[in-house]
C-alpha atoms as a PDB file:
ATOM      1  CA  MET A   1      13.430   3.809  31.074  1.00  0.00           C
ATOM      2  CA  VAL A   2      16.617   4.773  29.572  1.00  0.00           C
ATOM      3  CA  HIS A   3      18.488   1.967  31.301  1.00  0.00           C
ATOM      4  CA  PHE A   4      15.893  -0.265  29.406  1.00  0.00           C
ATOM      5  CA  TYR A   5      16.288   1.412  25.849  1.00  0.00           C
ATOM      6  CA  LYS A   6      20.279   0.846  26.478  1.00  0.00           C
ATOM      7  CA  ASN A   7      20.026  -2.638  27.133  1.00  0.00           C
ATOM      8  CA  HIS A   8      17.271  -3.436  24.537  1.00  0.00           C
ATOM      9  CA  ARG A   9      19.289  -1.785  21.797  1.00  0.00           C
ATOM     10  CA  LYS A  10      22.313  -4.142  23.040  1.00  0.00           C
ATOM     11  CA  ARG A  11      20.212  -7.175  22.613  1.00  0.00           C
ATOM     12  CA  PHE A  12      19.162  -5.934  19.340  1.00  0.00           C
ATOM     13  CA  PHE A  13      23.225  -5.515  17.953  1.00  0.00           C
ATOM     14  CA  ILE A  14      24.073  -8.891  19.237  1.00  0.00           C
ATOM     15  CA  VAL A  15      20.989 -10.100  17.239  1.00  0.00           C
ATOM     16  CA  LEU A  16      22.398  -8.063  14.525  1.00  0.00           C
ATOM     17  CA  LYS A  17      25.922  -9.642  14.353  1.00  0.00           C
ATOM     18  CA  PHE A  18      24.857 -12.947  14.926  1.00  0.00           C
ATOM     19  CA  PHE A  19      23.158 -13.208  11.553  1.00  0.00           C
ATOM     20  CA  GLN A  20      25.853 -11.130   9.871  1.00  0.00           C
ATOM     21  CA  ALA A  21      28.199 -13.561  11.416  1.00  0.00           C
ATOM     22  CA  LYS A  22      26.401 -16.878   9.519  1.00  0.00           C
ATOM     23  CA  CYS A  23      25.476 -15.524   6.680  1.00  0.00           C
ATOM     24  CA  ASN A  24      28.491 -15.592   3.824  1.00  0.00           C
ATOM     25  CA  THR A  25      26.106 -15.023   0.814  1.00  0.00           C
ATOM     26  CA  LEU A  26      23.710 -12.288   0.045  1.00  0.00           C
ATOM     27  CA  SER A  27      20.734 -15.117  -0.459  1.00  0.00           C
ATOM     28  CA  MET A  28      21.124 -16.089   2.997  1.00  0.00           C
ATOM     29  CA  LYS A  29      21.136 -12.896   4.418  1.00  0.00           C
ATOM     30  CA  LEU A  30      17.911 -12.218   2.616  1.00  0.00           C
ATOM     31  CA  ILE A  31      16.167 -15.357   3.678  1.00  0.00           C
ATOM     32  CA  ASN A  32      17.516 -14.663   7.368  1.00  0.00           C
ATOM     33  CA  ILE A  33      15.585 -10.929   6.676  1.00  0.00           C
ATOM     34  CA  GLN A  34      12.648 -12.694   5.548  1.00  0.00           C
ATOM     35  CA  PHE A  35      12.926 -15.061   8.478  1.00  0.00           C
ATOM     36  CA  LEU A  36      12.801 -11.737  10.903  1.00  0.00           C
ATOM     37  CA  VAL A  37      10.179  -9.951   9.216  1.00  0.00           C
ATOM     38  CA  VAL A  38       7.876 -12.963   9.645  1.00  0.00           C
ATOM     39  CA  VAL A  39       8.974 -13.541  13.635  1.00  0.00           C
ATOM     40  CA  PHE A  40       8.255  -9.569  14.238  1.00  0.00           C
ATOM     41  CA  TYR A  41       4.845  -9.767  12.007  1.00  0.00           C
ATOM     42  CA  ILE A  42       3.447 -12.850  13.977  1.00  0.00           C
ATOM     43  CA  PHE A  43       4.530 -12.057  17.429  1.00  0.00           C
ATOM     44  CA  GLY A  44       3.622  -8.347  16.539  1.00  0.00           C
ATOM     45  CA  CYS A  45      -0.082  -9.204  15.426  1.00  0.00           C
ATOM     46  CA  ALA A  46      -0.299 -11.277  18.689  1.00  0.00           C
ATOM     47  CA  THR A  47       0.765  -8.988  21.449  1.00  0.00           C
ATOM     48  CA  TYR A  48      -1.781  -6.433  20.208  1.00  0.00           C
ATOM     49  CA  PRO A  49      -5.360  -7.360  20.147  1.00  0.00           C
ATOM     50  CA  GLN A  50      -6.780  -5.226  17.498  1.00  0.00           C
ATOM     51  CA  PRO A  51      -9.398  -2.349  18.937  1.00  0.00           C
ATOM     52  CA  LYS A  52     -12.930  -2.582  18.307  1.00  0.00           C
ATOM     53  CA  GLU A  53     -15.200  -0.380  16.784  1.00  0.00           C
ATOM     54  CA  PHE A  54     -18.870   0.404  17.684  1.00  0.00           C
ATOM     55  CA  ILE A  55     -21.239   2.019  15.321  1.00  0.00           C
ATOM     56  CA  ILE A  56     -24.061   3.838  16.748  1.00  0.00           C
ATOM     57  CA  ASN A  57     -26.582   6.110  15.225  1.00  0.00           C
ATOM     58  CA  ARG A  58     -29.544   8.358  16.651  1.00  0.00           C
ATOM     59  CA  ASN A  59     -31.996   5.584  17.024  1.00  0.00           C
ATOM     60  CA  SER A  60     -29.677   3.132  19.160  1.00  0.00           C
ATOM     61  CA  SER A  61     -30.740   1.845  22.099  1.00  0.00           C
ATOM     62  CA  PRO A  62     -29.944   3.826  25.618  1.00  0.00           C
ATOM     63  CA  SER A  63     -28.332   1.051  27.263  1.00  0.00           C
ATOM     64  CA  PRO A  64     -24.364   1.895  27.530  1.00  0.00           C
ATOM     65  CA  ILE A  65     -21.785   0.695  25.346  1.00  0.00           C
ATOM     66  CA  VAL A  66     -19.296  -1.441  27.150  1.00  0.00           C
ATOM     67  CA  ALA A  67     -15.885  -0.990  25.604  1.00  0.00           C
ATOM     68  CA  SER A  68     -12.293  -1.395  26.505  1.00  0.00           C
ATOM     69  CA  ILE A  69      -9.602   1.291  26.581  1.00  0.00           C
ATOM     70  CA  GLY A  70      -8.479   1.962  22.717  1.00  0.00           C
ATOM     71  CA  ASP A  71     -11.754   0.892  21.051  1.00  0.00           C
ATOM     72  CA  ALA A  72     -13.373   3.690  19.102  1.00  0.00           C
ATOM     73  CA  VAL A  73     -17.151   4.212  19.340  1.00  0.00           C
ATOM     74  CA  VAL A  74     -18.730   5.657  15.516  1.00  0.00           C
ATOM     75  CA  VAL A  75     -21.934   7.925  16.356  1.00  0.00           C
ATOM     76  CA  LYS A  76     -23.495   8.747  12.868  1.00  0.00           C
ATOM     77  CA  VAL A  77     -25.923  11.932  12.866  1.00  0.00           C
ATOM     78  CA  LYS A  78     -28.517  13.337  10.253  1.00  0.00           C
ATOM     79  CA  THR A  79     -27.134  17.405   9.970  1.00  0.00           C
ATOM     80  CA  ASN A  80     -28.232  20.088   7.456  1.00  0.00           C
ATOM     81  CA  ALA A  81     -25.273  22.379   8.695  1.00  0.00           C
ATOM     82  CA  SER A  82     -27.032  24.934   5.795  1.00  0.00           C
ATOM     83  CA  THR A  83     -29.633  25.595   7.754  1.00  0.00           C
ATOM     84  CA  GLY A  84     -27.376  27.049  10.886  1.00  0.00           C
ATOM     85  CA  TYR A  85     -27.806  24.107  12.964  1.00  0.00           C
ATOM     86  CA  LYS A  86     -25.114  21.893  13.953  1.00  0.00           C
ATOM     87  CA  TRP A  87     -24.772  18.838  16.281  1.00  0.00           C
ATOM     88  CA  ASN A  88     -22.814  20.207  20.206  1.00  0.00           C
ATOM     89  CA  VAL A  89     -20.971  17.264  21.835  1.00  0.00           C
ATOM     90  CA  SER A  90     -20.168  17.418  25.632  1.00  0.00           C
ATOM     91  CA  GLY A  91     -19.314  15.818  28.010  1.00  0.00           C
ATOM     92  CA  ALA A  92     -16.445  13.425  26.195  1.00  0.00           C
ATOM     93  CA  ASP A  93     -12.932  14.499  28.114  1.00  0.00           C
ATOM     94  CA  LYS A  94     -12.337  12.247  30.513  1.00  0.00           C
ATOM     95  CA  GLU A  95     -13.056   8.392  30.222  1.00  0.00           C
ATOM     96  CA  VAL A  96     -13.767   9.360  25.562  1.00  0.00           C
ATOM     97  CA  LEU A  97     -11.537  11.433  23.988  1.00  0.00           C
ATOM     98  CA  LEU A  98     -13.362  13.010  20.505  1.00  0.00           C
ATOM     99  CA  GLU A  99     -10.281  11.847  18.018  1.00  0.00           C
ATOM    100  CA  SER A 100     -12.228  13.397  14.738  1.00  0.00           C
ATOM    101  CA  ARG A 101     -15.226  14.776  13.053  1.00  0.00           C
ATOM    102  CA  ASN A 102     -16.460  14.619   9.859  1.00  0.00           C
ATOM    103  CA  VAL A 103     -19.467  15.313   7.804  1.00  0.00           C
ATOM    104  CA  GLU A 104     -20.220  12.965   4.551  1.00  0.00           C
ATOM    105  CA  GLN A 105     -23.121  12.967   2.125  1.00  0.00           C
ATOM    106  CA  THR A 106     -25.834  10.337   2.860  1.00  0.00           C
ATOM    107  CA  ASP A 107     -26.315   8.925  -0.563  1.00  0.00           C
ATOM    108  CA  GLY A 108     -22.292   8.441  -1.525  1.00  0.00           C
ATOM    109  CA  GLU A 109     -22.315  11.627  -3.184  1.00  0.00           C
ATOM    110  CA  LYS A 110     -20.573  15.137  -3.114  1.00  0.00           C
ATOM    111  CA  LEU A 111     -21.703  17.866  -1.175  1.00  0.00           C
ATOM    112  CA  LEU A 112     -24.335  19.710  -1.876  1.00  0.00           C
ATOM    113  CA  ILE A 113     -25.671  23.365   0.011  1.00  0.00           C
ATOM    114  CA  GLY A 114     -29.449  22.386   1.393  1.00  0.00           C
ATOM    115  CA  LYS A 115     -29.256  19.083   0.833  1.00  0.00           C
ATOM    116  CA  ALA A 116     -29.158  16.308   4.140  1.00  0.00           C
ATOM    117  CA  ASN A 117     -25.762  15.112   4.764  1.00  0.00           C
ATOM    118  CA  GLU A 118     -24.189  12.580   7.856  1.00  0.00           C
ATOM    119  CA  GLU A 119     -22.060  14.017  10.813  1.00  0.00           C
ATOM    120  CA  ILE A 120     -19.758  11.390  11.937  1.00  0.00           C
ATOM    121  CA  PHE A 121     -18.277  11.476  15.521  1.00  0.00           C
ATOM    122  CA  VAL A 122     -15.201   9.208  16.758  1.00  0.00           C
ATOM    123  CA  PHE A 123     -14.491   8.833  20.051  1.00  0.00           C
ATOM    124  CA  ARG A 124     -11.663   6.864  21.343  1.00  0.00           C
ATOM    125  CA  CYS A 125     -11.800   5.273  24.716  1.00  0.00           C
ATOM    126  CA  ILE A 126      -9.021   6.342  26.616  1.00  0.00           C
ATOM    127  CA  ASN A 127      -9.987   5.606  30.539  1.00  0.00           C
ATOM    128  CA  ARG A 128     -11.993   3.257  32.666  1.00  0.00           C
ATOM    129  CA  GLY A 129     -15.360   4.527  33.745  1.00  0.00           C
ATOM    130  CA  LEU A 130     -18.449   5.365  32.633  1.00  0.00           C
ATOM    131  CA  ALA A 131     -18.716   8.242  30.046  1.00  0.00           C
ATOM    132  CA  VAL A 132     -22.218  10.057  29.232  1.00  0.00           C
ATOM    133  CA  VAL A 133     -21.221  12.130  26.029  1.00  0.00           C
ATOM    134  CA  LYS A 134     -24.938  15.098  25.113  1.00  0.00           C
ATOM    135  CA  PHE A 135     -25.150  15.440  21.644  1.00  0.00           C
ATOM    136  CA  GLU A 136     -27.217  19.033  21.239  1.00  0.00           C
ATOM    137  CA  TYR A 137     -28.920  19.721  17.572  1.00  0.00           C
ATOM    138  CA  LYS A 138     -29.292  23.579  17.546  1.00  0.00           C
ATOM    139  CA  ARG A 139     -28.619  26.905  16.050  1.00  0.00           C
ATOM    140  CA  ALA A 140     -25.522  28.601  17.903  1.00  0.00           C
ATOM    141  CA  TRP A 141     -27.599  31.923  18.643  1.00  0.00           C
ATOM    142  CA  GLU A 142     -30.167  30.204  19.898  1.00  0.00           C
ATOM    143  CA  LYS A 143     -30.728  28.771  23.461  1.00  0.00           C
ATOM    144  CA  THR A 144     -33.087  25.850  22.820  1.00  0.00           C
ATOM    145  CA  SER A 145     -32.040  22.368  20.826  1.00  0.00           C
ATOM    146  CA  VAL A 146     -34.350  20.795  18.529  1.00  0.00           C
ATOM    147  CA  ASP A 147     -32.950  17.806  19.467  1.00  0.00           C
ATOM    148  CA  LYS A 148     -30.928  16.184  21.847  1.00  0.00           C
ATOM    149  CA  PHE A 149     -29.377  13.041  23.280  1.00  0.00           C
ATOM    150  CA  ASP A 150     -27.094  10.690  25.499  1.00  0.00           C
ATOM    151  CA  VAL A 151     -24.667   8.012  24.467  1.00  0.00           C
ATOM    152  CA  LYS A 152     -23.455   5.980  27.171  1.00  0.00           C
ATOM    153  CA  ILE A 153     -20.003   4.336  26.987  1.00  0.00           C
ATOM    154  CA  GLU A 154     -18.856   2.049  30.058  1.00  0.00           C
ATOM    155  CA  VAL A 155     -15.210   1.674  29.596  1.00  0.00           C
ATOM    156  CA  GLN A 156     -13.299  -1.179  31.306  1.00  0.00           C
END
């Protein structure tokens, strides 16, 4: 890895010296810099495809979601934290990683105590395989849940 870095660094300085030697005026230097920025932007966008985002909710179909490594799966569920109930998530460890967990008001207003909210889970696909993420809605001190469902994610 260090050897590759040294070669890459050497090539960068060769290109930089070439542009410095060919550019005598400030305007020529600016034009060359703009050209390089455009070239790097075009090749950067062409090389790395943007990850997809799958948005599902509690009533989505039980069939597996087919995703690629790097894609995001967003799960939105209704919640009311002021009642003591909370969504517990399990099974997201090897194929998918829980990236974030947020609570938002469903109608776009500010969060109010006692009002139903929407909890948003964002999972990132990290390894190939089938992940079964289990959601369970219950209070921490109770053994039984009032709602549960599974989300199957097939990462290819």
